[in-house]
Amino acid sequence: MSDPSGAAPQPDSIQVWDIFVRVFHWTLAVGFFVAYFSEDVQLLHVWTGYLIGVLVLARIIWGFVGPQHARFSDFAFPLKAVLAYLIDLVRFKAIRHIGHSPAGAVMVWALLAGLLAIVGSGLVLYALEENAGPLAGFVSTDELNQGAAPFALVSTAQADDDDDEEHAERGEAGERAGEGYAERGSGQREAHEGAEEFWEELHEVFANLVLILVLLHIVGVVFASIVTRENLPRSMVTGRKRPLGQ
């Protein structure tokens, strides 16, 4: 039956999230938990970390060139708006948003920043521990292997000297040089181990902080779905939401 007013009937749902945003969201969610719980399975952990890094970089690019609701400009809310939304949310008076809500926007920014921090610290740690990965050429362990070379050079120089006295003097000098190189090598190893420990702890801190953000995100999505009567997880699967006013 046609509308007596002559206006076109409003659709039951509208397209909001494009296919890239939806695939990114769920792939990233799975990837994060796989990486988080595969710390002892290095190959899986490393490649999942690479995947997360590529996804985050792709999402950043998409935030500038994607459709309306995928763009960062669509959910750049001032702090005042975020606080007002949170107050309304806990009072069960929050209004629906077609794109990201102010609270959802803050979570997007925080998760992207946190994931970049995880990937960055992970790459540094991988370079330090295994001398592998994209940063291996910048964060190298090669200098730790230089301690052995001077010992061989000193020994060769001593073998070539036939003068007993000079041989003895050079032997003493070689020993002192060897001790110096040993001390320097030991210091380098200690510094290297300290750097590994620092980056490992930092990597774990970032991972745990992002885990907390993810859990808060899940709770917030469920709560906002109840308050606004909008199934937000389903909309991230179908890409569709109810139009405003329904």
Protein backbone atom coordinates (compact mmCIF):
# COMPACT_ATOMS: atom_id res chain seq x y z
CA MET A 1 0.00 0.00 0.00
CA SER A 2 1.38 3.41 -0.99
CA ASP A 3 2.09 6.17 1.52
CA PRO A 4 -0.84 8.71 1.44
CA SER A 5 1.65 11.55 1.78
CA GLY A 6 3.41 10.48 -1.39
CA ALA A 7 6.78 10.13 0.39
CA ALA A 8 8.97 7.16 -0.45
CA PRO A 9 8.90 4.47 2.27
CA GLN A 10 11.97 4.47 4.52
CA PRO A 11 14.09 1.31 4.29
CA ASP A 12 14.33 -0.97 7.30
CA SER A 13 18.13 -0.78 7.23
CA ILE A 14 20.90 1.13 5.50
CA GLN A 15 24.44 0.19 4.55
CA VAL A 16 26.96 1.64 7.01
CA TRP A 17 30.07 -0.55 7.21
CA ASP A 18 31.80 -1.46 3.96
CA ILE A 19 33.29 -4.88 3.34
CA PHE A 20 36.83 -3.78 4.12
CA VAL A 21 35.91 -2.45 7.58
CA ARG A 22 34.02 -5.64 8.42
CA VAL A 23 36.75 -8.01 7.25
CA PHE A 24 39.37 -5.86 8.98
CA HIS A 25 37.42 -5.88 12.25
CA TRP A 26 36.89 -9.61 12.56
CA THR A 27 40.27 -10.63 11.13
CA LEU A 28 42.00 -8.28 13.54
CA ALA A 29 39.97 -9.62 16.47
CA VAL A 30 40.94 -13.22 15.69
CA GLY A 31 44.53 -12.24 14.93
CA PHE A 32 44.98 -10.43 18.21
CA PHE A 33 43.85 -13.37 20.33
CA VAL A 34 45.92 -15.83 18.26
CA ALA A 35 49.01 -13.65 18.74
CA TYR A 36 48.29 -13.09 22.43
CA PHE A 37 48.01 -16.79 23.23
CA SER A 38 50.78 -18.04 20.89
CA GLU A 39 53.74 -16.45 22.65
CA ASP A 40 55.47 -19.83 22.93
CA VAL A 41 54.84 -20.74 19.28
CA GLN A 42 57.24 -18.26 17.73
CA LEU A 43 56.52 -18.82 14.04
CA LEU A 44 52.77 -18.44 14.51
CA HIS A 45 53.25 -15.50 16.86
CA VAL A 46 55.56 -13.65 14.47
CA TRP A 47 53.47 -14.13 11.35
CA THR A 48 50.27 -13.19 13.17
CA GLY A 49 52.07 -10.05 14.33
CA TYR A 50 52.97 -9.24 10.74
CA LEU A 51 49.33 -9.73 9.76
CA ILE A 52 48.17 -7.38 12.50
CA GLY A 53 50.70 -4.76 11.42
CA VAL A 54 49.56 -4.92 7.79
CA LEU A 55 45.89 -4.74 8.83
CA VAL A 56 46.45 -1.68 11.02
CA LEU A 57 48.42 0.14 8.33
CA ALA A 58 45.73 -0.71 5.76
CA ARG A 59 43.04 0.59 8.13
CA ILE A 60 44.92 3.84 8.60
CA ILE A 61 45.06 4.32 4.84
CA TRP A 62 41.37 3.38 4.56
CA GLY A 63 40.61 6.00 7.18
CA PHE A 64 41.55 8.65 4.64
CA VAL A 65 40.32 7.16 1.36
CA GLY A 66 37.45 4.87 2.39
CA PRO A 67 33.71 5.60 2.35
CA GLN A 68 32.09 8.09 4.72
CA HIS A 69 31.73 6.08 7.92
CA ALA A 70 35.16 4.47 7.53
CA ARG A 71 36.95 7.82 7.41
CA PHE A 72 38.58 9.23 10.52
CA SER A 73 36.92 12.56 9.87
CA ASP A 74 33.55 10.90 10.45
CA PHE A 75 34.34 10.04 14.06
CA ALA A 76 36.65 12.80 15.23
CA PHE A 77 34.66 13.88 18.28
CA PRO A 78 35.79 16.50 20.82
CA LEU A 79 36.40 15.37 24.39
CA LYS A 80 33.28 17.19 25.58
CA ALA A 81 31.12 15.14 23.24
CA VAL A 82 32.75 11.90 24.40
CA LEU A 83 32.14 12.67 28.07
CA ALA A 84 28.55 13.75 27.40
CA TYR A 85 27.89 10.52 25.49
CA LEU A 86 29.33 8.36 28.28
CA ILE A 87 27.16 10.13 30.86
CA ASP A 88 24.08 9.62 28.70
CA LEU A 89 25.03 6.00 28.12
CA VAL A 90 25.18 5.09 31.82
CA ARG A 91 21.86 6.92 32.26
CA PHE A 92 20.35 4.83 29.43
CA LYS A 93 19.71 8.00 27.42
CA ALA A 94 22.45 7.80 24.80
CA ILE A 95 21.34 8.49 21.25
CA ARG A 96 22.13 6.16 18.38
CA HIS A 97 24.81 7.00 15.86
CA ILE A 98 24.87 5.67 12.33
CA GLY A 99 28.67 5.48 12.33
CA HIS A 100 30.91 5.22 15.37
CA SER A 101 29.61 6.75 18.58
CA PRO A 102 31.91 9.14 20.47
CA ALA A 103 32.89 6.37 22.89
CA GLY A 104 33.39 3.94 20.02
CA ALA A 105 35.58 6.47 18.26
CA VAL A 106 37.87 6.82 21.28
CA MET A 107 38.16 3.04 21.42
CA VAL A 108 39.12 2.89 17.73
CA TRP A 109 41.87 5.47 18.23
CA ALA A 110 43.14 3.72 21.37
CA LEU A 111 43.17 0.26 19.80
CA LEU A 112 44.95 1.41 16.65
CA ALA A 113 47.61 3.19 18.72
CA GLY A 114 47.98 0.22 21.06
CA LEU A 115 48.28 -2.28 18.23
CA LEU A 116 50.92 -0.16 16.51
CA ALA A 117 52.84 -0.08 19.79
CA ILE A 118 52.61 -3.88 20.09
CA VAL A 119 53.79 -4.47 16.54
CA GLY A 120 56.60 -1.92 16.81
CA SER A 121 57.94 -3.27 20.10
CA GLY A 122 57.57 -6.82 18.78
CA LEU A 123 59.67 -6.04 15.71
CA VAL A 124 62.42 -4.53 17.85
CA LEU A 125 62.35 -7.52 20.19
CA TYR A 126 62.46 -9.98 17.29
CA ALA A 127 65.46 -8.18 15.84
CA LEU A 128 67.27 -8.24 19.19
CA GLU A 129 66.52 -11.86 20.03
CA GLU A 130 66.77 -13.48 16.60
CA ASN A 131 68.50 -10.84 14.47
CA ALA A 132 65.54 -11.24 12.11
CA GLY A 133 62.61 -9.26 10.82
CA PRO A 134 62.37 -5.87 9.09
CA LEU A 135 64.36 -4.12 11.84
CA ALA A 136 67.22 -6.61 11.95
CA GLY A 137 69.42 -4.30 9.88
CA PHE A 138 68.84 -1.46 12.34
CA VAL A 139 68.73 -3.35 15.63
CA SER A 140 71.59 -5.79 15.05
CA THR A 141 73.39 -8.20 17.33
CA ASP A 142 76.45 -8.43 15.06
CA GLU A 143 78.56 -6.25 17.34
CA LEU A 144 78.28 -8.92 20.02
CA ASN A 145 80.24 -11.31 17.83
CA GLN A 146 83.18 -8.95 17.35
CA GLY A 147 84.73 -9.87 20.69
CA ALA A 148 86.19 -13.09 19.29
CA ALA A 149 88.05 -11.50 16.35
CA PRO A 150 90.65 -9.48 18.34
CA PHE A 151 91.68 -12.58 20.29
CA ALA A 152 92.60 -14.32 17.05
CA LEU A 153 94.48 -11.27 15.77
CA VAL A 154 96.51 -10.98 18.92
CA SER A 155 97.41 -14.65 18.82
CA THR A 156 98.54 -14.37 15.20
CA ALA A 157 100.74 -11.36 15.96
CA GLN A 158 102.42 -13.20 18.80
CA ALA A 159 103.19 -16.24 16.65
CA ASP A 160 105.08 -14.13 14.11
CA ASP A 161 107.60 -12.66 16.63
CA ASP A 162 110.94 -14.52 17.13
CA ASP A 163 112.44 -12.21 19.73
CA ASP A 164 111.85 -13.68 23.19
CA GLU A 165 111.78 -10.36 25.05
CA GLU A 166 109.66 -8.64 22.44
CA HIS A 167 107.55 -11.75 22.29
CA ALA A 168 106.97 -11.56 26.03
CA GLU A 169 106.13 -7.87 25.90
CA ARG A 170 103.75 -8.38 23.04
CA GLY A 171 102.29 -11.36 24.85
CA GLU A 172 101.57 -9.19 27.87
CA ALA A 173 100.12 -6.47 25.65
CA GLY A 174 98.04 -9.09 23.88
CA GLU A 175 96.72 -10.40 27.18
CA ARG A 176 95.82 -6.89 28.28
CA ALA A 177 94.14 -6.23 24.94
CA GLY A 178 92.35 -9.56 25.20
CA GLU A 179 91.12 -8.70 28.67
CA GLY A 180 89.94 -5.35 27.38
CA TYR A 181 88.08 -6.94 24.51
CA ALA A 182 86.61 -9.53 26.88
CA GLU A 183 85.39 -6.81 29.20
CA ARG A 184 83.96 -4.85 26.28
CA GLY A 185 82.33 -7.99 24.89
CA SER A 186 80.88 -8.78 28.30
CA GLY A 187 79.57 -5.23 28.62
CA GLN A 188 78.00 -5.43 25.18
CA ARG A 189 76.30 -8.68 26.06
CA GLU A 190 74.98 -7.26 29.31
CA ALA A 191 73.67 -4.19 27.49
CA HIS A 192 72.12 -6.41 24.83
CA GLU A 193 70.45 -8.61 27.42
CA GLY A 194 69.19 -5.51 29.19
CA ALA A 195 67.74 -4.19 25.93
CA GLU A 196 66.04 -7.53 25.26
CA GLU A 197 64.52 -7.56 28.73
CA PHE A 198 63.32 -3.96 28.39
CA TRP A 199 61.65 -4.51 25.01
CA GLU A 200 60.16 -7.83 26.07
CA GLU A 201 58.56 -6.24 29.13
CA LEU A 202 57.36 -3.26 27.10
CA HIS A 203 55.88 -5.60 24.47
CA GLU A 204 54.02 -7.51 27.18
CA VAL A 205 52.75 -4.30 28.79
CA PHE A 206 51.36 -3.08 25.46
CA ALA A 207 49.75 -6.47 24.79
CA ASN A 208 48.08 -6.55 28.21
CA LEU A 209 46.86 -2.96 27.87
CA VAL A 210 45.31 -3.74 24.49
CA LEU A 211 43.71 -6.87 25.96
CA ILE A 212 42.08 -4.66 28.62
CA LEU A 213 40.90 -2.29 25.88
CA VAL A 214 39.44 -5.21 23.91
CA LEU A 215 37.53 -6.47 26.96
CA LEU A 216 36.25 -2.96 27.66
CA HIS A 217 35.25 -2.69 24.00
CA ILE A 218 33.24 -5.92 24.21
CA VAL A 219 31.47 -4.80 27.39
CA GLY A 220 30.81 -1.35 25.91
CA VAL A 221 29.39 -2.78 22.68
CA VAL A 222 27.02 -5.07 24.58
CA PHE A 223 25.90 -2.26 26.88
CA ALA A 224 25.44 0.22 24.04
CA SER A 225 23.46 -2.38 22.09
CA ILE A 226 21.06 -2.70 25.01
CA VAL A 227 20.72 1.04 25.54
CA THR A 228 20.23 1.94 21.88
CA ARG A 229 18.37 -1.26 20.93
CA GLU A 230 20.80 -1.74 18.05
CA ASN A 231 22.59 -5.05 17.59
CA LEU A 232 26.06 -3.62 17.06
CA PRO A 233 27.90 -6.94 16.62
CA ARG A 234 25.42 -8.00 13.94
CA SER A 235 25.83 -4.68 12.15
CA MET A 236 29.57 -5.36 11.93
CA VAL A 237 28.72 -8.64 10.20
CA THR A 238 26.01 -7.43 7.81
CA GLY A 239 27.23 -3.85 7.53
CA ARG A 240 23.71 -2.55 8.01
CA LYS A 241 21.93 -0.51 10.70
CA ARG A 242 18.49 0.94 11.26
CA PRO A 243 18.10 4.45 9.91
CA LEU A 244 17.90 7.24 12.45
CA GLY A 245 14.35 7.77 13.61
CA GLN A 246 13.46 4.10 13.73
